[in-house]
Amino acid sequence: MLKATIFLALSMLPLSMLPGPAPTPANLRKAMESALPALVAGAKGHAEQKTCFACHNQASPMLAFATARQRGFQLPADLFQSQAEHIAQFLETNRPRFREGRGTGGQVATAGYALLTLELAGHQPNDNTAAVVEYLLKTQAERDHWRTMSNRPPTEASHFTTTYLALRGLRVWGPAAKVDVQKMNKRRTDAQKWLIQTTPRDTEDRVFRLLALKEAGAARPEIAAAAWDLLHEQRPDGGWSQLSTGASDVYATGTALFALHEAGALKCNSPAYQAGLAFLLKTQRRDGTWLVKSRSRPFQPYYESGFPHGKNQFLSIAASGWATTALALALEAR
């Protein structure tokens, strides 16, 4: 109650009284112009060095690229096609594994984020995307949701995240894959019930529970309640934290703003969204990036992707992608 009271009082102050740059259109565009080159470098750098798809270096950066392009920002001409081709090759190589329901490392998270990235890149359905759709239907078919098989917080540690990604993947790519519509609808209905009945534990859970409820076609009151549950966690500094005991951070703030906007629960000119933008602007570094320290235990060989922040670069590029997307949503489309 005290936290909510403090934030309410703070959000009623003129934003010019808050520390850091005000979220004016000019400041938002300047921040994005600074952020996009680093995201491009990290996305391209991964594709040049690795054959696998990387959720952190490709998914949220692609969300930022697609949203920025809608706002009139100029990006490399080959960016969307080259990123899509890299992911398509990864799916092609692993198509038998998806067809058989085995998947790849990262399981549903990898499959779902790969389909999301291809969707944003404008990729057309083909045998590879159909195989991933089949995998999403076959895997964990006895459950009423899709569980994560990884423990790499925050990006791969929530059953709500994998459930949202699977639901979106089935909706977008399912019709072209010509899969069993009844099975697809049943998984959607079962997931909706699970989402309504299951309590989120942290910000990642709240963000993707809200997105998944909207994706699953839940009733407006259910979506509104989930939105309030997430909005209530906003801190007096305008940000959100991954954990209730932590300080506000860019990953949690960017994902929260995106989810609240996408669910139709928070307009970009609202005090809460504007305070979140102010937090993002004041935490952006001079090189255009945001630093978020990793709390996952590394298990893969380290490599430099072209994005800064050393061993914190993988969560930091994911966070920077979400932050840039949140900034872009507050600008008018062109």
C-alpha atoms as a PDB file:
ATOM      1  CA  MET A   1       0.000   0.000   0.000  1.00  0.00           C
ATOM      2  CA  LEU A   2       2.826   2.421   0.882  1.00  0.00           C
ATOM      3  CA  LYS A   3       4.595   1.718  -2.425  1.00  0.00           C
ATOM      4  CA  ALA A   4       1.409   2.342  -4.395  1.00  0.00           C
ATOM      5  CA  THR A   5       0.725   5.568  -2.467  1.00  0.00           C
ATOM      6  CA  ILE A   6       4.240   6.877  -3.091  1.00  0.00           C
ATOM      7  CA  PHE A   7       4.027   6.068  -6.800  1.00  0.00           C
ATOM      8  CA  LEU A   8       0.602   7.696  -7.137  1.00  0.00           C
ATOM      9  CA  ALA A   9       1.943  10.887  -5.613  1.00  0.00           C
ATOM     10  CA  LEU A  10       5.056  10.763  -7.780  1.00  0.00           C
ATOM     11  CA  SER A  11       3.133  10.111 -10.996  1.00  0.00           C
ATOM     12  CA  MET A  12       1.055  13.249 -10.444  1.00  0.00           C
ATOM     13  CA  LEU A  13       4.155  15.456 -10.429  1.00  0.00           C
ATOM     14  CA  PRO A  14       5.262  17.112 -13.684  1.00  0.00           C
ATOM     15  CA  LEU A  15       7.751  14.788 -15.380  1.00  0.00           C
ATOM     16  CA  SER A  16      10.177  17.692 -15.548  1.00  0.00           C
ATOM     17  CA  MET A  17      10.578  17.278 -11.774  1.00  0.00           C
ATOM     18  CA  LEU A  18      11.739  13.663 -12.128  1.00  0.00           C
ATOM     19  CA  PRO A  19      15.487  12.984 -12.553  1.00  0.00           C
ATOM     20  CA  GLY A  20      16.771  12.354 -16.075  1.00  0.00           C
ATOM     21  CA  PRO A  21      15.573  13.426 -19.541  1.00  0.00           C
ATOM     22  CA  ALA A  22      11.855  13.986 -20.005  1.00  0.00           C
ATOM     23  CA  PRO A  23      10.191  11.462 -22.380  1.00  0.00           C
ATOM     24  CA  THR A  24       9.466  13.971 -25.127  1.00  0.00           C
ATOM     25  CA  PRO A  25       9.236  12.720 -28.731  1.00  0.00           C
ATOM     26  CA  ALA A  26      12.595  14.336 -29.479  1.00  0.00           C
ATOM     27  CA  ASN A  27      14.290  12.643 -26.531  1.00  0.00           C
ATOM     28  CA  LEU A  28      12.701   9.290 -27.350  1.00  0.00           C
ATOM     29  CA  ARG A  29      13.891   9.477 -30.960  1.00  0.00           C
ATOM     30  CA  LYS A  30      17.372  10.475 -29.871  1.00  0.00           C
ATOM     31  CA  ALA A  31      17.527   7.525 -27.468  1.00  0.00           C
ATOM     32  CA  MET A  32      16.367   5.135 -30.166  1.00  0.00           C
ATOM     33  CA  GLU A  33      18.836   6.451 -32.721  1.00  0.00           C
ATOM     34  CA  SER A  34      21.536   5.724 -30.183  1.00  0.00           C
ATOM     35  CA  ALA A  35      20.209   2.268 -29.247  1.00  0.00           C
ATOM     36  CA  LEU A  36      19.481   0.740 -32.652  1.00  0.00           C
ATOM     37  CA  PRO A  37      23.074   0.488 -34.018  1.00  0.00           C
ATOM     38  CA  ALA A  38      24.204  -1.560 -31.003  1.00  0.00           C
ATOM     39  CA  LEU A  39      21.206  -3.882 -31.347  1.00  0.00           C
ATOM     40  CA  VAL A  40      21.957  -4.347 -35.043  1.00  0.00           C
ATOM     41  CA  ALA A  41      25.597  -5.128 -34.272  1.00  0.00           C
ATOM     42  CA  GLY A  42      24.621  -7.722 -31.662  1.00  0.00           C
ATOM     43  CA  ALA A  43      22.034  -9.409 -33.872  1.00  0.00           C
ATOM     44  CA  LYS A  44      24.333  -9.535 -36.896  1.00  0.00           C
ATOM     45  CA  GLY A  45      27.338 -10.503 -34.796  1.00  0.00           C
ATOM     46  CA  HIS A  46      25.578 -13.569 -33.455  1.00  0.00           C
ATOM     47  CA  ALA A  47      24.458 -14.714 -36.909  1.00  0.00           C
ATOM     48  CA  GLU A  48      27.987 -14.298 -38.253  1.00  0.00           C
ATOM     49  CA  GLN A  49      29.543 -16.464 -35.538  1.00  0.00           C
ATOM     50  CA  LYS A  50      26.913 -19.057 -34.630  1.00  0.00           C
ATOM     51  CA  THR A  51      24.602 -21.415 -36.490  1.00  0.00           C
ATOM     52  CA  CYS A  52      22.016 -21.564 -33.701  1.00  0.00           C
ATOM     53  CA  PHE A  53      19.120 -19.215 -33.074  1.00  0.00           C
ATOM     54  CA  ALA A  54      19.629 -16.950 -30.033  1.00  0.00           C
ATOM     55  CA  CYS A  55      16.547 -15.688 -28.191  1.00  0.00           C
ATOM     56  CA  HIS A  56      18.534 -12.913 -26.510  1.00  0.00           C
ATOM     57  CA  ASN A  57      20.377 -11.595 -29.576  1.00  0.00           C
ATOM     58  CA  GLN A  58      17.575 -11.980 -32.093  1.00  0.00           C
ATOM     59  CA  ALA A  59      14.059 -12.049 -30.599  1.00  0.00           C
ATOM     60  CA  SER A  60      13.690  -8.836 -28.619  1.00  0.00           C
ATOM     61  CA  PRO A  61      16.080  -6.955 -30.943  1.00  0.00           C
ATOM     62  CA  MET A  62      13.820  -7.970 -33.868  1.00  0.00           C
ATOM     63  CA  LEU A  63      10.815  -6.699 -31.919  1.00  0.00           C
ATOM     64  CA  ALA A  64      12.641  -3.387 -31.566  1.00  0.00           C
ATOM     65  CA  PHE A  65      13.581  -3.339 -35.268  1.00  0.00           C
ATOM     66  CA  ALA A  66      10.030  -4.043 -36.416  1.00  0.00           C
ATOM     67  CA  THR A  67       8.525  -1.431 -34.114  1.00  0.00           C
ATOM     68  CA  ALA A  68      11.185   1.125 -35.041  1.00  0.00           C
ATOM     69  CA  ARG A  69      10.625   0.572 -38.760  1.00  0.00           C
ATOM     70  CA  GLN A  70       6.923   1.332 -38.273  1.00  0.00           C
ATOM     71  CA  ARG A  71       8.000   4.650 -36.724  1.00  0.00           C
ATOM     72  CA  GLY A  72      10.114   5.631 -39.697  1.00  0.00           C
ATOM     73  CA  PHE A  73      13.600   4.699 -38.436  1.00  0.00           C
ATOM     74  CA  GLN A  74      16.111   3.656 -41.063  1.00  0.00           C
ATOM     75  CA  LEU A  75      17.694   0.214 -40.635  1.00  0.00           C
ATOM     76  CA  PRO A  76      20.132  -1.775 -42.808  1.00  0.00           C
ATOM     77  CA  ALA A  77      18.359  -2.937 -45.964  1.00  0.00           C
ATOM     78  CA  ASP A  78      19.304  -6.591 -45.487  1.00  0.00           C
ATOM     79  CA  LEU A  79      18.662  -6.785 -41.739  1.00  0.00           C
ATOM     80  CA  PHE A  80      15.242  -8.432 -41.701  1.00  0.00           C
ATOM     81  CA  GLN A  81      15.984 -10.872 -44.507  1.00  0.00           C
ATOM     82  CA  SER A  82      19.409 -11.887 -43.207  1.00  0.00           C
ATOM     83  CA  GLN A  83      18.106 -12.489 -39.691  1.00  0.00           C
ATOM     84  CA  ALA A  84      15.177 -14.515 -41.038  1.00  0.00           C
ATOM     85  CA  GLU A  85      17.484 -16.588 -43.236  1.00  0.00           C
ATOM     86  CA  HIS A  86      19.736 -17.388 -40.294  1.00  0.00           C
ATOM     87  CA  ILE A  87      16.788 -18.607 -38.227  1.00  0.00           C
ATOM     88  CA  ALA A  88      15.268 -20.477 -41.172  1.00  0.00           C
ATOM     89  CA  GLN A  89      18.531 -22.372 -41.651  1.00  0.00           C
ATOM     90  CA  PHE A  90      18.558 -23.310 -37.970  1.00  0.00           C
ATOM     91  CA  LEU A  91      14.990 -24.645 -38.264  1.00  0.00           C
ATOM     92  CA  GLU A  92      15.855 -26.461 -41.510  1.00  0.00           C
ATOM     93  CA  THR A  93      18.760 -28.245 -39.832  1.00  0.00           C
ATOM     94  CA  ASN A  94      16.582 -29.306 -36.922  1.00  0.00           C
ATOM     95  CA  ARG A  95      13.363 -29.979 -38.821  1.00  0.00           C
ATOM     96  CA  PRO A  96      13.410 -33.761 -38.143  1.00  0.00           C
ATOM     97  CA  ARG A  97      13.739 -33.095 -34.411  1.00  0.00           C
ATOM     98  CA  PHE A  98      10.739 -30.784 -34.476  1.00  0.00           C
ATOM     99  CA  ARG A  99       8.683 -33.225 -36.559  1.00  0.00           C
ATOM    100  CA  GLU A 100       9.385 -35.977 -34.050  1.00  0.00           C
ATOM    101  CA  GLY A 101       8.430 -33.776 -31.108  1.00  0.00           C
ATOM    102  CA  ARG A 102      11.954 -33.707 -29.644  1.00  0.00           C
ATOM    103  CA  GLY A 103      12.786 -30.057 -30.297  1.00  0.00           C
ATOM    104  CA  THR A 104      16.172 -28.481 -29.637  1.00  0.00           C
ATOM    105  CA  GLY A 105      17.995 -26.961 -26.687  1.00  0.00           C
ATOM    106  CA  GLY A 106      15.724 -24.496 -24.958  1.00  0.00           C
ATOM    107  CA  GLN A 107      12.734 -26.543 -26.126  1.00  0.00           C
ATOM    108  CA  VAL A 108       9.494 -24.499 -26.270  1.00  0.00           C
ATOM    109  CA  ALA A 109      11.250 -21.206 -25.473  1.00  0.00           C
ATOM    110  CA  THR A 110      13.601 -21.613 -28.434  1.00  0.00           C
ATOM    111  CA  ALA A 111      10.842 -22.801 -30.766  1.00  0.00           C
ATOM    112  CA  GLY A 112       8.427 -20.067 -29.716  1.00  0.00           C
ATOM    113  CA  TYR A 113      10.909 -17.219 -29.828  1.00  0.00           C
ATOM    114  CA  ALA A 114      12.166 -18.418 -33.228  1.00  0.00           C
ATOM    115  CA  LEU A 115       8.629 -18.307 -34.657  1.00  0.00           C
ATOM    116  CA  LEU A 116       8.036 -14.891 -33.082  1.00  0.00           C
ATOM    117  CA  THR A 117      11.226 -13.532 -34.627  1.00  0.00           C
ATOM    118  CA  LEU A 118      10.325 -14.911 -38.054  1.00  0.00           C
ATOM    119  CA  GLU A 119       6.859 -13.384 -37.729  1.00  0.00           C
ATOM    120  CA  LEU A 120       8.332  -9.965 -36.985  1.00  0.00           C
ATOM    121  CA  ALA A 121      10.817 -10.323 -39.846  1.00  0.00           C
ATOM    122  CA  GLY A 122       7.990 -10.967 -42.322  1.00  0.00           C
ATOM    123  CA  HIS A 123       9.040 -14.546 -43.109  1.00  0.00           C
ATOM    124  CA  GLN A 124       6.554 -16.703 -45.024  1.00  0.00           C
ATOM    125  CA  PRO A 125       5.250 -20.077 -43.747  1.00  0.00           C
ATOM    126  CA  ASN A 126       7.017 -23.160 -45.089  1.00  0.00           C
ATOM    127  CA  ASP A 127       7.831 -26.749 -44.153  1.00  0.00           C
ATOM    128  CA  ASN A 128      10.199 -25.567 -41.421  1.00  0.00           C
ATOM    129  CA  THR A 129       7.639 -23.410 -39.622  1.00  0.00           C
ATOM    130  CA  ALA A 130       5.073 -26.193 -40.027  1.00  0.00           C
ATOM    131  CA  ALA A 131       7.441 -28.594 -38.292  1.00  0.00           C
ATOM    132  CA  VAL A 132       7.790 -26.217 -35.345  1.00  0.00           C
ATOM    133  CA  VAL A 133       4.005 -25.896 -35.118  1.00  0.00           C
ATOM    134  CA  GLU A 134       3.737 -29.695 -35.026  1.00  0.00           C
ATOM    135  CA  TYR A 135       6.310 -29.739 -32.250  1.00  0.00           C
ATOM    136  CA  LEU A 136       4.349 -27.197 -30.191  1.00  0.00           C
ATOM    137  CA  LEU A 137       1.235 -29.355 -30.480  1.00  0.00           C
ATOM    138  CA  LYS A 138       3.012 -32.626 -29.710  1.00  0.00           C
ATOM    139  CA  THR A 139       5.237 -31.550 -26.855  1.00  0.00           C
ATOM    140  CA  GLN A 140       3.795 -31.778 -23.331  1.00  0.00           C
ATOM    141  CA  ALA A 141       0.452 -32.729 -24.875  1.00  0.00           C
ATOM    142  CA  GLU A 142      -0.740 -34.153 -21.557  1.00  0.00           C
ATOM    143  CA  ARG A 143      -0.413 -30.759 -19.848  1.00  0.00           C
ATOM    144  CA  ASP A 144      -2.715 -27.751 -19.814  1.00  0.00           C
ATOM    145  CA  HIS A 145       0.190 -25.379 -20.517  1.00  0.00           C
ATOM    146  CA  TRP A 146       3.750 -25.411 -21.839  1.00  0.00           C
ATOM    147  CA  ARG A 147       6.452 -25.721 -19.197  1.00  0.00           C
ATOM    148  CA  THR A 148       9.925 -24.270 -19.512  1.00  0.00           C
ATOM    149  CA  MET A 149      12.714 -26.843 -19.490  1.00  0.00           C
ATOM    150  CA  SER A 150      15.423 -24.293 -18.707  1.00  0.00           C
ATOM    151  CA  ASN A 151      16.391 -22.339 -15.625  1.00  0.00           C
ATOM    152  CA  ARG A 152      17.983 -19.226 -17.085  1.00  0.00           C
ATOM    153  CA  PRO A 153      16.179 -16.361 -15.380  1.00  0.00           C
ATOM    154  CA  PRO A 154      14.587 -14.189 -16.375  1.00  0.00           C
ATOM    155  CA  THR A 155      14.236 -15.062 -20.071  1.00  0.00           C
ATOM    156  CA  GLU A 156      13.924 -18.857 -19.785  1.00  0.00           C
ATOM    157  CA  ALA A 157      12.536 -19.581 -16.348  1.00  0.00           C
ATOM    158  CA  SER A 158       8.791 -18.990 -16.523  1.00  0.00           C
ATOM    159  CA  HIS A 159       6.038 -21.362 -17.615  1.00  0.00           C
ATOM    160  CA  PHE A 160       4.008 -18.270 -18.497  1.00  0.00           C
ATOM    161  CA  THR A 161       6.642 -17.202 -21.034  1.00  0.00           C
ATOM    162  CA  THR A 162       6.677 -20.535 -22.841  1.00  0.00           C
ATOM    163  CA  THR A 163       2.885 -20.728 -22.760  1.00  0.00           C
ATOM    164  CA  TYR A 164       2.555 -17.291 -24.360  1.00  0.00           C
ATOM    165  CA  LEU A 165       5.116 -18.083 -27.045  1.00  0.00           C
ATOM    166  CA  ALA A 166       3.442 -21.399 -27.893  1.00  0.00           C
ATOM    167  CA  LEU A 167      -0.022 -19.836 -28.075  1.00  0.00           C
ATOM    168  CA  ARG A 168       1.191 -17.043 -30.334  1.00  0.00           C
ATOM    169  CA  GLY A 169       3.121 -19.439 -32.538  1.00  0.00           C
ATOM    170  CA  LEU A 170       0.074 -21.660 -33.004  1.00  0.00           C
ATOM    171  CA  ARG A 171      -2.179 -18.715 -33.824  1.00  0.00           C
ATOM    172  CA  VAL A 172       0.169 -17.101 -36.345  1.00  0.00           C
ATOM    173  CA  TRP A 173       1.646 -20.173 -38.024  1.00  0.00           C
ATOM    174  CA  GLY A 174      -0.918 -22.897 -37.310  1.00  0.00           C
ATOM    175  CA  PRO A 175      -3.363 -22.260 -40.172  1.00  0.00           C
ATOM    176  CA  ALA A 176      -0.677 -22.515 -42.860  1.00  0.00           C
ATOM    177  CA  ALA A 177       0.695 -25.694 -41.246  1.00  0.00           C
ATOM    178  CA  LYS A 178      -2.717 -27.365 -41.710  1.00  0.00           C
ATOM    179  CA  VAL A 179      -2.563 -29.007 -38.290  1.00  0.00           C
ATOM    180  CA  ASP A 180      -5.513 -30.492 -36.422  1.00  0.00           C
ATOM    181  CA  VAL A 181      -7.658 -27.458 -35.578  1.00  0.00           C
ATOM    182  CA  GLN A 182      -9.455 -29.267 -32.764  1.00  0.00           C
ATOM    183  CA  LYS A 183      -6.166 -30.105 -31.058  1.00  0.00           C
ATOM    184  CA  MET A 184      -4.985 -26.541 -31.462  1.00  0.00           C
ATOM    185  CA  ASN A 185      -8.210 -25.119 -30.008  1.00  0.00           C
ATOM    186  CA  LYS A 186      -8.140 -27.554 -27.111  1.00  0.00           C
ATOM    187  CA  ARG A 187      -4.624 -26.569 -26.137  1.00  0.00           C
ATOM    188  CA  ARG A 188      -5.671 -22.920 -26.286  1.00  0.00           C
ATOM    189  CA  THR A 189      -8.753 -23.537 -24.109  1.00  0.00           C
ATOM    190  CA  ASP A 190      -6.798 -25.621 -21.583  1.00  0.00           C
ATOM    191  CA  ALA A 191      -4.075 -22.991 -21.421  1.00  0.00           C
ATOM    192  CA  GLN A 192      -6.591 -20.229 -20.810  1.00  0.00           C
ATOM    193  CA  LYS A 193      -7.982 -22.098 -17.789  1.00  0.00           C
ATOM    194  CA  TRP A 194      -4.488 -22.678 -16.449  1.00  0.00           C
ATOM    195  CA  LEU A 195      -3.563 -19.016 -16.891  1.00  0.00           C
ATOM    196  CA  ILE A 196      -6.643 -17.855 -15.000  1.00  0.00           C
ATOM    197  CA  GLN A 197      -6.110 -20.276 -12.131  1.00  0.00           C
ATOM    198  CA  THR A 198      -2.324 -19.967 -11.680  1.00  0.00           C
ATOM    199  CA  THR A 199      -0.710 -17.283  -9.517  1.00  0.00           C
ATOM    200  CA  PRO A 200       2.405 -15.528 -10.877  1.00  0.00           C
ATOM    201  CA  ARG A 201       5.487 -15.320  -8.654  1.00  0.00           C
ATOM    202  CA  ASP A 202       7.605 -12.557 -10.173  1.00  0.00           C
ATOM    203  CA  THR A 203       7.605  -9.875 -12.874  1.00  0.00           C
ATOM    204  CA  GLU A 204       8.447 -12.270 -15.710  1.00  0.00           C
ATOM    205  CA  ASP A 205       5.461 -14.381 -14.699  1.00  0.00           C
ATOM    206  CA  ARG A 206       3.173 -11.338 -14.486  1.00  0.00           C
ATOM    207  CA  VAL A 207       4.302  -9.938 -17.837  1.00  0.00           C
ATOM    208  CA  PHE A 208       3.813 -13.130 -19.796  1.00  0.00           C
ATOM    209  CA  ARG A 209       0.689 -14.195 -17.936  1.00  0.00           C
ATOM    210  CA  LEU A 210      -0.880 -10.924 -19.067  1.00  0.00           C
ATOM    211  CA  LEU A 211       0.285 -11.399 -22.665  1.00  0.00           C
ATOM    212  CA  ALA A 212      -0.828 -15.038 -22.673  1.00  0.00           C
ATOM    213  CA  LEU A 213      -4.286 -14.232 -21.313  1.00  0.00           C
ATOM    214  CA  LYS A 214      -4.774 -11.778 -24.165  1.00  0.00           C
ATOM    215  CA  GLU A 215      -3.404 -14.319 -26.660  1.00  0.00           C
ATOM    216  CA  ALA A 216      -5.669 -17.062 -25.297  1.00  0.00           C
ATOM    217  CA  GLY A 217      -8.762 -14.893 -25.670  1.00  0.00           C
ATOM    218  CA  ALA A 218      -9.524 -14.525 -21.974  1.00  0.00           C
ATOM    219  CA  ALA A 219     -12.391 -12.292 -20.875  1.00  0.00           C
ATOM    220  CA  ARG A 220     -11.769  -8.600 -20.326  1.00  0.00           C
ATOM    221  CA  PRO A 221     -12.061  -8.775 -16.494  1.00  0.00           C
ATOM    222  CA  GLU A 222      -9.379 -11.489 -16.352  1.00  0.00           C
ATOM    223  CA  ILE A 223      -7.023  -9.422 -18.511  1.00  0.00           C
ATOM    224  CA  ALA A 224      -7.725  -6.274 -16.480  1.00  0.00           C
ATOM    225  CA  ALA A 225      -6.981  -8.071 -13.210  1.00  0.00           C
ATOM    226  CA  ALA A 226      -3.689  -9.399 -14.583  1.00  0.00           C
ATOM    227  CA  ALA A 227      -2.786  -5.923 -15.847  1.00  0.00           C
ATOM    228  CA  TRP A 228      -3.437  -4.380 -12.442  1.00  0.00           C
ATOM    229  CA  ASP A 229      -1.344  -7.092 -10.787  1.00  0.00           C
ATOM    230  CA  LEU A 230       1.582  -6.077 -13.019  1.00  0.00           C
ATOM    231  CA  LEU A 231       1.011  -2.334 -12.832  1.00  0.00           C
ATOM    232  CA  HIS A 232       0.850  -2.490  -9.039  1.00  0.00           C
ATOM    233  CA  GLU A 233       4.497  -3.640  -9.034  1.00  0.00           C
ATOM    234  CA  GLN A 234       5.779  -0.394 -10.584  1.00  0.00           C
ATOM    235  CA  ARG A 235       8.319   1.308  -8.342  1.00  0.00           C
ATOM    236  CA  PRO A 236       8.400   4.976  -7.294  1.00  0.00           C
ATOM    237  CA  ASP A 237      11.310   5.503  -9.721  1.00  0.00           C
ATOM    238  CA  GLY A 238       9.044   4.478 -12.606  1.00  0.00           C
ATOM    239  CA  GLY A 239      10.666   1.086 -13.176  1.00  0.00           C
ATOM    240  CA  TRP A 240       9.929  -2.537 -12.407  1.00  0.00           C
ATOM    241  CA  SER A 241      12.203  -5.131 -10.834  1.00  0.00           C
ATOM    242  CA  GLN A 242      12.657  -8.740 -11.884  1.00  0.00           C
ATOM    243  CA  LEU A 243      12.310  -9.772  -8.233  1.00  0.00           C
ATOM    244  CA  SER A 244      10.380  -8.198  -5.372  1.00  0.00           C
ATOM    245  CA  THR A 245      13.613  -7.784  -3.404  1.00  0.00           C
ATOM    246  CA  GLY A 246      15.620  -6.225  -6.241  1.00  0.00           C
ATOM    247  CA  ALA A 247      16.058  -2.743  -7.605  1.00  0.00           C
ATOM    248  CA  SER A 248      14.281  -1.567 -10.751  1.00  0.00           C
ATOM    249  CA  ASP A 249      15.969  -2.806 -13.913  1.00  0.00           C
ATOM    250  CA  VAL A 250      15.602  -2.263 -17.643  1.00  0.00           C
ATOM    251  CA  TYR A 251      14.617  -5.802 -18.608  1.00  0.00           C
ATOM    252  CA  ALA A 252      11.681  -5.890 -16.202  1.00  0.00           C
ATOM    253  CA  THR A 253      10.659  -2.332 -17.083  1.00  0.00           C
ATOM    254  CA  GLY A 254      10.771  -2.833 -20.844  1.00  0.00           C
ATOM    255  CA  THR A 255       8.805  -6.084 -20.754  1.00  0.00           C
ATOM    256  CA  ALA A 256       6.225  -4.630 -18.341  1.00  0.00           C
ATOM    257  CA  LEU A 257       5.579  -1.556 -20.480  1.00  0.00           C
ATOM    258  CA  PHE A 258       5.277  -3.696 -23.608  1.00  0.00           C
ATOM    259  CA  ALA A 259       2.838  -6.128 -21.991  1.00  0.00           C
ATOM    260  CA  LEU A 260       0.649  -3.421 -20.496  1.00  0.00           C
ATOM    261  CA  HIS A 261       0.524  -1.623 -23.840  1.00  0.00           C
ATOM    262  CA  GLU A 262      -0.148  -4.765 -25.901  1.00  0.00           C
ATOM    263  CA  ALA A 263      -2.915  -5.867 -23.546  1.00  0.00           C
ATOM    264  CA  GLY A 264      -4.616  -2.514 -24.018  1.00  0.00           C
ATOM    265  CA  ALA A 265      -4.282  -1.737 -20.333  1.00  0.00           C
ATOM    266  CA  LEU A 266      -1.956   1.265 -20.469  1.00  0.00           C
ATOM    267  CA  LYS A 267      -1.800   4.069 -22.990  1.00  0.00           C
ATOM    268  CA  CYS A 268       1.610   5.508 -23.792  1.00  0.00           C
ATOM    269  CA  ASN A 269       0.570   8.981 -22.609  1.00  0.00           C
ATOM    270  CA  SER A 270      -0.550   7.716 -19.196  1.00  0.00           C
ATOM    271  CA  PRO A 271       1.461   8.821 -16.142  1.00  0.00           C
ATOM    272  CA  ALA A 272       2.573   5.265 -15.400  1.00  0.00           C
ATOM    273  CA  TYR A 273       3.893   4.643 -18.936  1.00  0.00           C
ATOM    274  CA  GLN A 274       5.555   8.055 -19.040  1.00  0.00           C
ATOM    275  CA  ALA A 275       7.264   7.363 -15.710  1.00  0.00           C
ATOM    276  CA  GLY A 276       8.513   4.059 -17.114  1.00  0.00           C
ATOM    277  CA  LEU A 277       9.898   5.857 -20.158  1.00  0.00           C
ATOM    278  CA  ALA A 278      11.637   8.369 -17.893  1.00  0.00           C
ATOM    279  CA  PHE A 279      13.281   5.466 -16.052  1.00  0.00           C
ATOM    280  CA  LEU A 280      14.519   3.972 -19.330  1.00  0.00           C
ATOM    281  CA  LEU A 281      15.898   7.289 -20.562  1.00  0.00           C
ATOM    282  CA  LYS A 282      17.806   8.009 -17.386  1.00  0.00           C
ATOM    283  CA  THR A 283      19.363   4.514 -17.280  1.00  0.00           C
ATOM    284  CA  GLN A 284      20.509   4.429 -20.921  1.00  0.00           C
ATOM    285  CA  ARG A 285      24.290   4.520 -21.297  1.00  0.00           C
ATOM    286  CA  ARG A 286      26.240   6.863 -23.532  1.00  0.00           C
ATOM    287  CA  ASP A 287      26.796   4.090 -26.083  1.00  0.00           C
ATOM    288  CA  GLY A 288      23.026   3.713 -26.468  1.00  0.00           C
ATOM    289  CA  THR A 289      22.771   0.421 -24.578  1.00  0.00           C
ATOM    290  CA  TRP A 290      21.439  -0.625 -21.202  1.00  0.00           C
ATOM    291  CA  LEU A 291      23.303  -2.840 -18.758  1.00  0.00           C
ATOM    292  CA  VAL A 292      21.457  -5.525 -16.806  1.00  0.00           C
ATOM    293  CA  LYS A 293      23.585  -7.931 -14.809  1.00  0.00           C
ATOM    294  CA  SER A 294      22.954 -11.608 -15.437  1.00  0.00           C
ATOM    295  CA  ARG A 295      21.796 -13.910 -12.652  1.00  0.00           C
ATOM    296  CA  SER A 296      21.867 -17.083 -14.782  1.00  0.00           C
ATOM    297  CA  ARG A 297      24.585 -19.675 -14.447  1.00  0.00           C
ATOM    298  CA  PRO A 298      26.504 -19.846 -17.764  1.00  0.00           C
ATOM    299  CA  PHE A 299      26.573 -23.253 -19.463  1.00  0.00           C
ATOM    300  CA  GLN A 300      27.658 -22.469 -23.026  1.00  0.00           C
ATOM    301  CA  PRO A 301      31.096 -21.327 -24.264  1.00  0.00           C
ATOM    302  CA  TYR A 302      31.387 -17.560 -24.032  1.00  0.00           C
ATOM    303  CA  TYR A 303      31.715 -15.489 -27.196  1.00  0.00           C
ATOM    304  CA  GLU A 304      31.637 -11.800 -28.120  1.00  0.00           C
ATOM    305  CA  SER A 305      28.598 -10.999 -30.253  1.00  0.00           C
ATOM    306  CA  GLY A 306      29.415  -7.353 -30.897  1.00  0.00           C
ATOM    307  CA  PHE A 307      27.192  -6.049 -28.111  1.00  0.00           C
ATOM    308  CA  PRO A 308      28.955  -4.515 -25.088  1.00  0.00           C
ATOM    309  CA  HIS A 309      28.936  -5.505 -21.389  1.00  0.00           C
ATOM    310  CA  GLY A 310      31.049  -8.657 -21.517  1.00  0.00           C
ATOM    311  CA  LYS A 311      29.477 -11.637 -19.779  1.00  0.00           C
ATOM    312  CA  ASN A 312      26.384  -9.557 -19.067  1.00  0.00           C
ATOM    313  CA  GLN A 313      25.858  -8.833 -22.775  1.00  0.00           C
ATOM    314  CA  PHE A 314      23.251 -11.519 -23.467  1.00  0.00           C
ATOM    315  CA  LEU A 315      20.705 -10.373 -20.903  1.00  0.00           C
ATOM    316  CA  SER A 316      21.679  -6.772 -21.628  1.00  0.00           C
ATOM    317  CA  ILE A 317      20.898  -7.045 -25.356  1.00  0.00           C
ATOM    318  CA  ALA A 318      17.561  -8.692 -24.567  1.00  0.00           C
ATOM    319  CA  ALA A 319      16.799  -5.901 -22.105  1.00  0.00           C
ATOM    320  CA  SER A 320      17.920  -3.249 -24.585  1.00  0.00           C
ATOM    321  CA  GLY A 321      15.601  -4.723 -27.206  1.00  0.00           C
ATOM    322  CA  TRP A 322      12.611  -4.550 -24.874  1.00  0.00           C
ATOM    323  CA  ALA A 323      13.550  -1.032 -23.737  1.00  0.00           C
ATOM    324  CA  THR A 324      13.906   0.230 -27.313  1.00  0.00           C
ATOM    325  CA  THR A 325      10.542  -1.295 -28.190  1.00  0.00           C
ATOM    326  CA  ALA A 326       8.889   0.437 -25.230  1.00  0.00           C
ATOM    327  CA  LEU A 327      10.363   3.760 -26.360  1.00  0.00           C
ATOM    328  CA  ALA A 328       9.227   3.204 -29.950  1.00  0.00           C
ATOM    329  CA  LEU A 329       5.646   2.399 -28.947  1.00  0.00           C
ATOM    330  CA  ALA A 330       5.342   5.913 -27.494  1.00  0.00           C
ATOM    331  CA  LEU A 331       6.079   7.479 -30.889  1.00  0.00           C
ATOM    332  CA  GLU A 332       3.610   7.891 -33.727  1.00  0.00           C
ATOM    333  CA  ALA A 333       3.807   5.443 -36.608  1.00  0.00           C
ATOM    334  CA  ARG A 334       5.002   6.896 -39.930  1.00  0.00           C
END
